[in-house]
Amino acid sequence: GTQADGALRSAAVEVQPWGRFRMDVTAGERSDGRPLDGAAPVTLRWVG
């Protein structure tokens, strides 16, 4: 809308290379902005 603007990007990968062993990795970025305030967008990044 006109009061808030944002974007969300994320990705996840899961592998099970050997029998009972499992590994997954996630990462992403979220940016939120308020165009009417004129402030720069706030960005949050994560990895797990």
All heavy atoms as atom14 arrays in JSON, in Angstrom:
{
  "sequence": "GTQADGALRSAAVEVQPWGRFRMDVTAGERSDGRPLDGAAPVTLRWVG",
  "atom14_mask": [
    [1, 1, 1, 1, 0, 0, 0, 0, 0, 0, 0, 0, 0, 0],
    [1, 1, 1, 1, 1, 1, 1, 0, 0, 0, 0, 0, 0, 0],
    [1, 1, 1, 1, 1, 1, 1, 1, 1, 0, 0, 0, 0, 0],
    [1, 1, 1, 1, 1, 0, 0, 0, 0, 0, 0, 0, 0, 0],
    [1, 1, 1, 1, 1, 1, 1, 1, 0, 0, 0, 0, 0, 0],
    [1, 1, 1, 1, 0, 0, 0, 0, 0, 0, 0, 0, 0, 0],
    [1, 1, 1, 1, 1, 0, 0, 0, 0, 0, 0, 0, 0, 0],
    [1, 1, 1, 1, 1, 1, 1, 1, 0, 0, 0, 0, 0, 0],
    [1, 1, 1, 1, 1, 1, 1, 1, 1, 1, 1, 0, 0, 0],
    [1, 1, 1, 1, 1, 1, 0, 0, 0, 0, 0, 0, 0, 0],
    [1, 1, 1, 1, 1, 0, 0, 0, 0, 0, 0, 0, 0, 0],
    [1, 1, 1, 1, 1, 0, 0, 0, 0, 0, 0, 0, 0, 0],
    [1, 1, 1, 1, 1, 1, 1, 0, 0, 0, 0, 0, 0, 0],
    [1, 1, 1, 1, 1, 1, 1, 1, 1, 0, 0, 0, 0, 0],
    [1, 1, 1, 1, 1, 1, 1, 0, 0, 0, 0, 0, 0, 0],
    [1, 1, 1, 1, 1, 1, 1, 1, 1, 0, 0, 0, 0, 0],
    [1, 1, 1, 1, 1, 1, 1, 0, 0, 0, 0, 0, 0, 0],
    [1, 1, 1, 1, 1, 1, 1, 1, 1, 1, 1, 1, 1, 1],
    [1, 1, 1, 1, 0, 0, 0, 0, 0, 0, 0, 0, 0, 0],
    [1, 1, 1, 1, 1, 1, 1, 1, 1, 1, 1, 0, 0, 0],
    [1, 1, 1, 1, 1, 1, 1, 1, 1, 1, 1, 0, 0, 0],
    [1, 1, 1, 1, 1, 1, 1, 1, 1, 1, 1, 0, 0, 0],
    [1, 1, 1, 1, 1, 1, 1, 1, 0, 0, 0, 0, 0, 0],
    [1, 1, 1, 1, 1, 1, 1, 1, 0, 0, 0, 0, 0, 0],
    [1, 1, 1, 1, 1, 1, 1, 0, 0, 0, 0, 0, 0, 0],
    [1, 1, 1, 1, 1, 1, 1, 0, 0, 0, 0, 0, 0, 0],
    [1, 1, 1, 1, 1, 0, 0, 0, 0, 0, 0, 0, 0, 0],
    [1, 1, 1, 1, 0, 0, 0, 0, 0, 0, 0, 0, 0, 0],
    [1, 1, 1, 1, 1, 1, 1, 1, 1, 0, 0, 0, 0, 0],
    [1, 1, 1, 1, 1, 1, 1, 1, 1, 1, 1, 0, 0, 0],
    [1, 1, 1, 1, 1, 1, 0, 0, 0, 0, 0, 0, 0, 0],
    [1, 1, 1, 1, 1, 1, 1, 1, 0, 0, 0, 0, 0, 0],
    [1, 1, 1, 1, 0, 0, 0, 0, 0, 0, 0, 0, 0, 0],
    [1, 1, 1, 1, 1, 1, 1, 1, 1, 1, 1, 0, 0, 0],
    [1, 1, 1, 1, 1, 1, 1, 0, 0, 0, 0, 0, 0, 0],
    [1, 1, 1, 1, 1, 1, 1, 1, 0, 0, 0, 0, 0, 0],
    [1, 1, 1, 1, 1, 1, 1, 1, 0, 0, 0, 0, 0, 0],
    [1, 1, 1, 1, 0, 0, 0, 0, 0, 0, 0, 0, 0, 0],
    [1, 1, 1, 1, 1, 0, 0, 0, 0, 0, 0, 0, 0, 0],
    [1, 1, 1, 1, 1, 0, 0, 0, 0, 0, 0, 0, 0, 0],
    [1, 1, 1, 1, 1, 1, 1, 0, 0, 0, 0, 0, 0, 0],
    [1, 1, 1, 1, 1, 1, 1, 0, 0, 0, 0, 0, 0, 0],
    [1, 1, 1, 1, 1, 1, 1, 0, 0, 0, 0, 0, 0, 0],
    [1, 1, 1, 1, 1, 1, 1, 1, 0, 0, 0, 0, 0, 0],
    [1, 1, 1, 1, 1, 1, 1, 1, 1, 1, 1, 0, 0, 0],
    [1, 1, 1, 1, 1, 1, 1, 1, 1, 1, 1, 1, 1, 1],
    [1, 1, 1, 1, 1, 1, 1, 0, 0, 0, 0, 0, 0, 0],
    [1, 1, 1, 1, 0, 0, 0, 0, 0, 0, 0, 0, 0, 0]
  ],
  "atom14_positions": [
    [[0.81, -1.18, 0.0], [0.0, 0.0, 0.0], [0.86, 1.25, 0.0], [2.07, 1.22, -0.17], [0.0, 0.0, 0.0], [0.0, 0.0, 0.0], [0.0, 0.0, 0.0], [0.0, 0.0, 0.0], [0.0, 0.0, 0.0], [0.0, 0.0, 0.0], [0.0, 0.0, 0.0], [0.0, 0.0, 0.0], [0.0, 0.0, 0.0], [0.0, 0.0, 0.0]],
    [[0.23, 2.38, 0.2], [0.96, 3.65, 0.18], [1.64, 3.95, 1.51], [2.55, 4.76, 1.56], [-0.01, 4.8, -0.14], [-1.05, 4.81, 0.83], [-0.6, 4.64, -1.53], [0.0, 0.0, 0.0], [0.0, 0.0, 0.0], [0.0, 0.0, 0.0], [0.0, 0.0, 0.0], [0.0, 0.0, 0.0], [0.0, 0.0, 0.0], [0.0, 0.0, 0.0]],
    [[1.22, 3.3, 2.61], [1.81, 3.58, 3.91], [3.01, 2.7, 4.23], [3.88, 3.1, 4.99], [0.76, 3.42, 5.01], [-0.32, 4.46, 4.91], [-1.31, 4.34, 6.05], [-1.17, 3.51, 6.93], [-2.31, 5.19, 6.05], [0.0, 0.0, 0.0], [0.0, 0.0, 0.0], [0.0, 0.0, 0.0], [0.0, 0.0, 0.0], [0.0, 0.0, 0.0]],
    [[3.04, 1.5, 3.68], [4.15, 0.58, 3.96], [4.54, -0.15, 2.68], [3.71, -0.46, 1.84], [3.75, -0.41, 5.03], [0.0, 0.0, 0.0], [0.0, 0.0, 0.0], [0.0, 0.0, 0.0], [0.0, 0.0, 0.0], [0.0, 0.0, 0.0], [0.0, 0.0, 0.0], [0.0, 0.0, 0.0], [0.0, 0.0, 0.0], [0.0, 0.0, 0.0]],
    [[5.83, -0.4, 2.58], [6.36, -1.1, 1.41], [7.41, -2.07, 1.91], [8.17, -1.76, 2.83], [6.99, -0.08, 0.46], [7.46, -0.71, -0.83], [6.94, -1.78, -1.2], [8.33, -0.11, -1.48], [0.0, 0.0, 0.0], [0.0, 0.0, 0.0], [0.0, 0.0, 0.0], [0.0, 0.0, 0.0], [0.0, 0.0, 0.0], [0.0, 0.0, 0.0]],
    [[7.47, -3.27, 1.35], [8.45, -4.22, 1.82], [8.66, -5.37, 0.86], [7.95, -5.52, -0.13], [0.0, 0.0, 0.0], [0.0, 0.0, 0.0], [0.0, 0.0, 0.0], [0.0, 0.0, 0.0], [0.0, 0.0, 0.0], [0.0, 0.0, 0.0], [0.0, 0.0, 0.0], [0.0, 0.0, 0.0], [0.0, 0.0, 0.0], [0.0, 0.0, 0.0]],
    [[9.67, -6.16, 1.18], [9.98, -7.34, 0.38], [10.52, -8.43, 1.3], [11.18, -8.15, 2.3], [11.02, -6.99, -0.68], [0.0, 0.0, 0.0], [0.0, 0.0, 0.0], [0.0, 0.0, 0.0], [0.0, 0.0, 0.0], [0.0, 0.0, 0.0], [0.0, 0.0, 0.0], [0.0, 0.0, 0.0], [0.0, 0.0, 0.0], [0.0, 0.0, 0.0]],
    [[10.23, -9.66, 0.95], [10.7, -10.82, 1.7], [11.28, -11.82, 0.71], [10.63, -12.2, -0.25], [9.55, -11.46, 2.47], [9.86, -12.78, 3.18], [10.87, -12.55, 4.3], [8.59, -13.38, 3.74], [0.0, 0.0, 0.0], [0.0, 0.0, 0.0], [0.0, 0.0, 0.0], [0.0, 0.0, 0.0], [0.0, 0.0, 0.0], [0.0, 0.0, 0.0]],
    [[12.53, -12.2, 0.96], [13.2, -13.21, 0.14], [13.76, -14.27, 1.08], [14.42, -13.92, 2.07], [14.32, -12.58, -0.67], [13.83, -11.65, -1.75], [14.95, -10.89, -2.41], [15.54, -9.83, -1.59], [14.99, -8.64, -1.37], [13.81, -8.36, -1.87], [15.59, -7.73, -0.66], [0.0, 0.0, 0.0], [0.0, 0.0, 0.0], [0.0, 0.0, 0.0]],
    [[13.51, -15.53, 0.78], [14.06, -16.59, 1.62], [14.29, -17.84, 0.78], [13.69, -18.02, -0.28], [13.11, -16.91, 2.79], [11.91, -17.45, 2.32], [0.0, 0.0, 0.0], [0.0, 0.0, 0.0], [0.0, 0.0, 0.0], [0.0, 0.0, 0.0], [0.0, 0.0, 0.0], [0.0, 0.0, 0.0], [0.0, 0.0, 0.0], [0.0, 0.0, 0.0]],
    [[15.16, -18.69, 1.3], [15.48, -19.95, 0.63], [15.81, -20.99, 1.69], [16.3, -20.66, 2.77], [16.67, -19.76, -0.31], [0.0, 0.0, 0.0], [0.0, 0.0, 0.0], [0.0, 0.0, 0.0], [0.0, 0.0, 0.0], [0.0, 0.0, 0.0], [0.0, 0.0, 0.0], [0.0, 0.0, 0.0], [0.0, 0.0, 0.0], [0.0, 0.0, 0.0]],
    [[15.53, -22.23, 1.36], [15.84, -23.34, 2.26], [16.29, -24.53, 1.43], [15.76, -24.78, 0.35], [14.62, -23.71, 3.09], [0.0, 0.0, 0.0], [0.0, 0.0, 0.0], [0.0, 0.0, 0.0], [0.0, 0.0, 0.0], [0.0, 0.0, 0.0], [0.0, 0.0, 0.0], [0.0, 0.0, 0.0], [0.0, 0.0, 0.0], [0.0, 0.0, 0.0]],
    [[17.26, -25.25, 1.96], [17.76, -26.46, 1.32], [17.88, -27.53, 2.39], [18.42, -27.28, 3.47], [19.15, -26.22, 0.67], [19.71, -27.51, 0.1], [19.06, -25.16, -0.41], [0.0, 0.0, 0.0], [0.0, 0.0, 0.0], [0.0, 0.0, 0.0], [0.0, 0.0, 0.0], [0.0, 0.0, 0.0], [0.0, 0.0, 0.0], [0.0, 0.0, 0.0]],
    [[17.37, -28.71, 2.09], [17.47, -29.84, 3.02], [18.07, -31.02, 2.27], [17.67, -31.31, 1.14], [16.09, -30.21, 3.55], [16.14, -31.38, 4.52], [14.79, -31.73, 5.08], [13.96, -30.82, 5.28], [14.55, -32.92, 5.33], [0.0, 0.0, 0.0], [0.0, 0.0, 0.0], [0.0, 0.0, 0.0], [0.0, 0.0, 0.0], [0.0, 0.0, 0.0]],
    [[19.03, -31.67, 2.9], [19.65, -32.86, 2.32], [19.7, -33.96, 3.36], [19.77, -33.7, 4.57], [21.07, -32.58, 1.76], [21.02, -31.63, 0.59], [21.99, -32.07, 2.83], [0.0, 0.0, 0.0], [0.0, 0.0, 0.0], [0.0, 0.0, 0.0], [0.0, 0.0, 0.0], [0.0, 0.0, 0.0], [0.0, 0.0, 0.0], [0.0, 0.0, 0.0]],
    [[19.69, -35.17, 2.88], [19.85, -36.33, 3.74], [20.91, -37.22, 3.08], [20.59, -38.2, 2.41], [18.53, -37.08, 3.89], [18.55, -38.11, 4.96], [17.16, -38.64, 5.27], [16.16, -38.16, 4.76], [17.12, -39.63, 6.12], [0.0, 0.0, 0.0], [0.0, 0.0, 0.0], [0.0, 0.0, 0.0], [0.0, 0.0, 0.0], [0.0, 0.0, 0.0]],
    [[22.2, -36.85, 3.27], [23.26, -37.52, 2.53], [23.53, -38.97, 2.96], [23.95, -39.78, 2.15], [24.49, -36.65, 2.78], [24.2, -35.95, 4.07], [22.71, -35.79, 4.12], [0.0, 0.0, 0.0], [0.0, 0.0, 0.0], [0.0, 0.0, 0.0], [0.0, 0.0, 0.0], [0.0, 0.0, 0.0], [0.0, 0.0, 0.0], [0.0, 0.0, 0.0]],
    [[23.31, -39.3, 4.22], [23.55, -40.66, 4.71], [22.38, -41.08, 5.58], [22.05, -40.37, 6.53], [24.82, -40.75, 5.56], [26.01, -40.16, 4.9], [26.73, -40.7, 3.88], [26.63, -38.92, 5.21], [27.74, -39.86, 3.52], [27.71, -38.75, 4.34], [26.37, -37.92, 6.13], [28.53, -37.65, 4.36], [27.19, -36.82, 6.16], [28.25, -36.7, 5.29]],
    [[21.8, -42.18, 5.31], [20.76, -42.8, 6.11], [20.02, -41.92, 7.09], [19.09, -41.22, 6.75], [0.0, 0.0, 0.0], [0.0, 0.0, 0.0], [0.0, 0.0, 0.0], [0.0, 0.0, 0.0], [0.0, 0.0, 0.0], [0.0, 0.0, 0.0], [0.0, 0.0, 0.0], [0.0, 0.0, 0.0], [0.0, 0.0, 0.0], [0.0, 0.0, 0.0]],
    [[20.46, -41.9, 8.32], [19.75, -41.19, 9.39], [20.2, -39.75, 9.61], [19.69, -39.07, 10.49], [19.93, -41.94, 10.71], [19.3, -43.29, 10.71], [19.53, -43.92, 12.05], [18.84, -45.18, 12.16], [18.75, -45.84, 13.27], [19.29, -45.36, 14.38], [18.11, -46.98, 13.3], [0.0, 0.0, 0.0], [0.0, 0.0, 0.0], [0.0, 0.0, 0.0]],
    [[21.16, -39.27, 8.87], [21.68, -37.91, 9.04], [20.91, -36.95, 8.14], [20.74, -37.21, 6.95], [23.17, -37.87, 8.69], [23.78, -36.51, 8.82], [24.09, -35.99, 10.07], [24.06, -35.75, 7.71], [24.65, -34.73, 10.2], [24.62, -34.5, 7.82], [24.91, -33.99, 9.07], [0.0, 0.0, 0.0], [0.0, 0.0, 0.0], [0.0, 0.0, 0.0]],
    [[20.42, -35.84, 8.7], [19.68, -34.83, 7.94], [20.24, -33.46, 8.25], [20.58, -33.16, 9.39], [18.2, -34.87, 8.31], [17.35, -33.93, 7.48], [15.92, -33.9, 7.96], [15.83, -33.31, 9.29], [15.69, -32.0, 9.53], [15.65, -31.14, 8.55], [15.6, -31.56, 10.76], [0.0, 0.0, 0.0], [0.0, 0.0, 0.0], [0.0, 0.0, 0.0]],
    [[20.34, -32.62, 7.24], [20.84, -31.26, 7.43], [19.97, -30.31, 6.6], [19.63, -30.63, 5.46], [22.29, -31.16, 6.95], [22.86, -29.78, 7.04], [24.59, -29.7, 6.54], [24.41, -29.63, 4.79], [0.0, 0.0, 0.0], [0.0, 0.0, 0.0], [0.0, 0.0, 0.0], [0.0, 0.0, 0.0], [0.0, 0.0, 0.0], [0.0, 0.0, 0.0]],
    [[19.59, -29.19, 7.18], [18.93, -28.16, 6.39], [19.48, -26.79, 6.74], [19.9, -26.54, 7.86], [17.4, -28.23, 6.52], [16.87, -27.84, 7.87], [16.88, -26.63, 8.16], [16.44, -28.72, 8.62], [0.0, 0.0, 0.0], [0.0, 0.0, 0.0], [0.0, 0.0, 0.0], [0.0, 0.0, 0.0], [0.0, 0.0, 0.0], [0.0, 0.0, 0.0]],
    [[19.5, -25.94, 5.73], [20.03, -24.58, 5.86], [18.97, -23.63, 5.32], [18.37, -23.88, 4.27], [21.35, -24.42, 5.07], [21.84, -22.99, 5.12], [22.41, -25.38, 5.57], [0.0, 0.0, 0.0], [0.0, 0.0, 0.0], [0.0, 0.0, 0.0], [0.0, 0.0, 0.0], [0.0, 0.0, 0.0], [0.0, 0.0, 0.0], [0.0, 0.0, 0.0]],
    [[18.73, -22.55, 6.05], [17.78, -21.53, 5.62], [18.46, -20.17, 5.66], [19.35, -19.93, 6.48], [16.53, -21.49, 6.52], [16.93, -21.21, 7.86], [15.79, -22.8, 6.48], [0.0, 0.0, 0.0], [0.0, 0.0, 0.0], [0.0, 0.0, 0.0], [0.0, 0.0, 0.0], [0.0, 0.0, 0.0], [0.0, 0.0, 0.0], [0.0, 0.0, 0.0]],
    [[18.03, -19.28, 4.8], [18.56, -17.92, 4.79], [17.49, -17.0, 4.22], [16.62, -17.45, 3.45], [19.83, -17.83, 3.96], [0.0, 0.0, 0.0], [0.0, 0.0, 0.0], [0.0, 0.0, 0.0], [0.0, 0.0, 0.0], [0.0, 0.0, 0.0], [0.0, 0.0, 0.0], [0.0, 0.0, 0.0], [0.0, 0.0, 0.0], [0.0, 0.0, 0.0]],
    [[17.55, -15.75, 4.6], [16.57, -14.82, 4.06], [16.87, -13.38, 4.41], [17.8, -13.07, 5.16], [0.0, 0.0, 0.0], [0.0, 0.0, 0.0], [0.0, 0.0, 0.0], [0.0, 0.0, 0.0], [0.0, 0.0, 0.0], [0.0, 0.0, 0.0], [0.0, 0.0, 0.0], [0.0, 0.0, 0.0], [0.0, 0.0, 0.0], [0.0, 0.0, 0.0]],
    [[16.04, -12.53, 3.83], [16.17, -11.09, 4.03], [14.77, -10.48, 3.94], [13.99, -10.84, 3.07], [17.06, -10.5, 2.95], [17.18, -9.0, 3.01], [18.05, -8.47, 1.89], [17.53, -8.27, 0.78], [19.24, -8.29, 2.14], [0.0, 0.0, 0.0], [0.0, 0.0, 0.0], [0.0, 0.0, 0.0], [0.0, 0.0, 0.0], [0.0, 0.0, 0.0]],
    [[14.49, -9.58, 4.86], [13.22, -8.85, 4.84], [13.52, -7.37, 4.94], [14.31, -6.94, 5.78], [12.35, -9.27, 6.01], [10.96, -8.66, 5.93], [10.14, -8.99, 7.15], [10.53, -8.05, 8.21], [10.36, -8.26, 9.49], [9.84, -9.38, 9.92], [10.71, -7.36, 10.37], [0.0, 0.0, 0.0], [0.0, 0.0, 0.0], [0.0, 0.0, 0.0]],
    [[12.91, -6.58, 4.07], [13.08, -5.12, 4.16], [11.7, -4.48, 4.25], [10.78, -4.87, 3.55], [13.86, -4.58, 2.96], [13.17, -4.82, 1.77], [0.0, 0.0, 0.0], [0.0, 0.0, 0.0], [0.0, 0.0, 0.0], [0.0, 0.0, 0.0], [0.0, 0.0, 0.0], [0.0, 0.0, 0.0], [0.0, 0.0, 0.0], [0.0, 0.0, 0.0]],
    [[11.59, -3.55, 5.16], [10.34, -2.83, 5.4], [10.62, -1.34, 5.31], [11.59, -0.85, 5.87], [9.79, -3.12, 6.8], [9.4, -4.57, 6.98], [8.7, -5.09, 6.09], [9.79, -5.18, 7.99], [0.0, 0.0, 0.0], [0.0, 0.0, 0.0], [0.0, 0.0, 0.0], [0.0, 0.0, 0.0], [0.0, 0.0, 0.0], [0.0, 0.0, 0.0]],
    [[9.76, -0.64, 4.63], [9.91, 0.81, 4.53], [8.56, 1.5, 4.63], [7.51, 0.9, 4.46], [0.0, 0.0, 0.0], [0.0, 0.0, 0.0], [0.0, 0.0, 0.0], [0.0, 0.0, 0.0], [0.0, 0.0, 0.0], [0.0, 0.0, 0.0], [0.0, 0.0, 0.0], [0.0, 0.0, 0.0], [0.0, 0.0, 0.0], [0.0, 0.0, 0.0]],
    [[8.62, 2.77, 4.95], [7.42, 3.6, 5.01], [7.67, 4.82, 4.12], [8.26, 5.81, 4.55], [7.14, 4.03, 6.45], [6.94, 2.85, 7.37], [6.17, 3.26, 8.61], [5.95, 2.13, 9.48], [4.92, 1.31, 9.37], [4.04, 1.47, 8.44], [4.76, 0.3, 10.22], [0.0, 0.0, 0.0], [0.0, 0.0, 0.0], [0.0, 0.0, 0.0]],
    [[7.22, 4.72, 2.87], [7.51, 5.79, 1.9], [7.03, 7.17, 2.34], [7.68, 8.17, 2.05], [6.77, 5.35, 0.64], [6.57, 3.88, 0.8], [6.49, 3.63, 2.27], [0.0, 0.0, 0.0], [0.0, 0.0, 0.0], [0.0, 0.0, 0.0], [0.0, 0.0, 0.0], [0.0, 0.0, 0.0], [0.0, 0.0, 0.0], [0.0, 0.0, 0.0]],
    [[5.93, 7.25, 3.07], [5.41, 8.55, 3.48], [6.29, 9.21, 4.54], [6.31, 10.43, 4.66], [3.98, 8.41, 4.0], [2.95, 7.91, 2.97], [1.58, 7.76, 3.61], [2.9, 8.85, 1.78], [0.0, 0.0, 0.0], [0.0, 0.0, 0.0], [0.0, 0.0, 0.0], [0.0, 0.0, 0.0], [0.0, 0.0, 0.0], [0.0, 0.0, 0.0]],
    [[7.03, 8.42, 5.33], [7.93, 8.97, 6.35], [9.24, 9.46, 5.75], [9.95, 10.25, 6.37], [8.25, 7.92, 7.41], [7.03, 7.54, 8.23], [6.03, 8.28, 8.18], [7.09, 6.5, 8.91], [0.0, 0.0, 0.0], [0.0, 0.0, 0.0], [0.0, 0.0, 0.0], [0.0, 0.0, 0.0], [0.0, 0.0, 0.0], [0.0, 0.0, 0.0]],
    [[9.6, 8.95, 4.58], [10.86, 9.34, 3.95], [12.07, 8.67, 4.57], [13.2, 9.0, 4.23], [0.0, 0.0, 0.0], [0.0, 0.0, 0.0], [0.0, 0.0, 0.0], [0.0, 0.0, 0.0], [0.0, 0.0, 0.0], [0.0, 0.0, 0.0], [0.0, 0.0, 0.0], [0.0, 0.0, 0.0], [0.0, 0.0, 0.0], [0.0, 0.0, 0.0]],
    [[11.87, 7.73, 5.47], [12.99, 7.03, 6.11], [13.49, 5.9, 5.21], [12.75, 5.37, 4.39], [12.55, 6.45, 7.45], [0.0, 0.0, 0.0], [0.0, 0.0, 0.0], [0.0, 0.0, 0.0], [0.0, 0.0, 0.0], [0.0, 0.0, 0.0], [0.0, 0.0, 0.0], [0.0, 0.0, 0.0], [0.0, 0.0, 0.0], [0.0, 0.0, 0.0]],
    [[14.75, 5.57, 5.38], [15.33, 4.46, 4.62], [14.71, 3.14, 5.07], [14.35, 2.98, 6.24], [16.84, 4.43, 4.83], [0.0, 0.0, 0.0], [0.0, 0.0, 0.0], [0.0, 0.0, 0.0], [0.0, 0.0, 0.0], [0.0, 0.0, 0.0], [0.0, 0.0, 0.0], [0.0, 0.0, 0.0], [0.0, 0.0, 0.0], [0.0, 0.0, 0.0]],
    [[14.57, 2.18, 4.17], [14.02, 0.88, 4.55], [14.88, 0.19, 5.61], [16.1, 0.35, 5.64], [14.04, 0.07, 3.25], [14.14, 1.07, 2.17], [14.86, 2.25, 2.75], [0.0, 0.0, 0.0], [0.0, 0.0, 0.0], [0.0, 0.0, 0.0], [0.0, 0.0, 0.0], [0.0, 0.0, 0.0], [0.0, 0.0, 0.0], [0.0, 0.0, 0.0]],
    [[14.25, -0.54, 6.49], [14.93, -1.32, 7.53], [15.06, -2.75, 7.01], [14.08, -3.34, 6.55], [14.13, -1.29, 8.85], [14.78, -2.16, 9.89], [13.99, 0.14, 9.34], [0.0, 0.0, 0.0], [0.0, 0.0, 0.0], [0.0, 0.0, 0.0], [0.0, 0.0, 0.0], [0.0, 0.0, 0.0], [0.0, 0.0, 0.0], [0.0, 0.0, 0.0]],
    [[16.27, -3.3, 7.09], [16.53, -4.64, 6.56], [16.92, -5.59, 7.68], [17.7, -5.25, 8.57], [17.65, -4.6, 5.51], [17.26, -3.7, 4.46], [17.91, -5.96, 4.92], [0.0, 0.0, 0.0], [0.0, 0.0, 0.0], [0.0, 0.0, 0.0], [0.0, 0.0, 0.0], [0.0, 0.0, 0.0], [0.0, 0.0, 0.0], [0.0, 0.0, 0.0]],
    [[16.37, -6.79, 7.63], [16.67, -7.85, 8.58], [17.14, -9.06, 7.77], [16.48, -9.47, 6.81], [15.42, -8.22, 9.38], [15.52, -9.42, 10.3], [16.4, -9.08, 11.49], [14.16, -9.86, 10.76], [0.0, 0.0, 0.0], [0.0, 0.0, 0.0], [0.0, 0.0, 0.0], [0.0, 0.0, 0.0], [0.0, 0.0, 0.0], [0.0, 0.0, 0.0]],
    [[18.31, -9.61, 8.14], [18.85, -10.79, 7.45], [19.04, -11.92, 8.44], [19.39, -11.68, 9.59], [20.19, -10.46, 6.81], [20.09, -9.48, 5.68], [21.47, -9.2, 5.08], [21.36, -8.29, 3.98], [21.5, -6.97, 4.07], [21.76, -6.42, 5.23], [21.37, -6.21, 3.01], [0.0, 0.0, 0.0], [0.0, 0.0, 0.0], [0.0, 0.0, 0.0]],
    [[18.82, -13.15, 8.0], [19.01, -14.29, 8.88], [19.56, -15.48, 8.11], [19.43, -15.59, 6.9], [17.7, -14.68, 9.55], [16.69, -15.29, 8.64], [16.55, -16.62, 8.33], [15.7, -14.62, 7.9], [15.52, -16.8, 7.44], [14.98, -15.57, 7.16], [15.32, -13.29, 7.77], [13.92, -15.26, 6.32], [14.27, -12.97, 6.93], [13.59, -13.94, 6.24]],
    [[20.19, -16.37, 8.87], [20.68, -17.64, 8.35], [20.56, -18.66, 9.49], [20.75, -18.32, 10.65], [22.13, -17.54, 7.82], [23.11, -17.19, 8.92], [22.54, -18.81, 7.11], [0.0, 0.0, 0.0], [0.0, 0.0, 0.0], [0.0, 0.0, 0.0], [0.0, 0.0, 0.0], [0.0, 0.0, 0.0], [0.0, 0.0, 0.0], [0.0, 0.0, 0.0]],
    [[20.2, -19.87, 9.16], [20.05, -20.9, 10.17], [20.46, -22.25, 9.61], [20.43, -22.48, 8.4], [0.0, 0.0, 0.0], [0.0, 0.0, 0.0], [0.0, 0.0, 0.0], [0.0, 0.0, 0.0], [0.0, 0.0, 0.0], [0.0, 0.0, 0.0], [0.0, 0.0, 0.0], [0.0, 0.0, 0.0], [0.0, 0.0, 0.0], [0.0, 0.0, 0.0]]
  ]
}
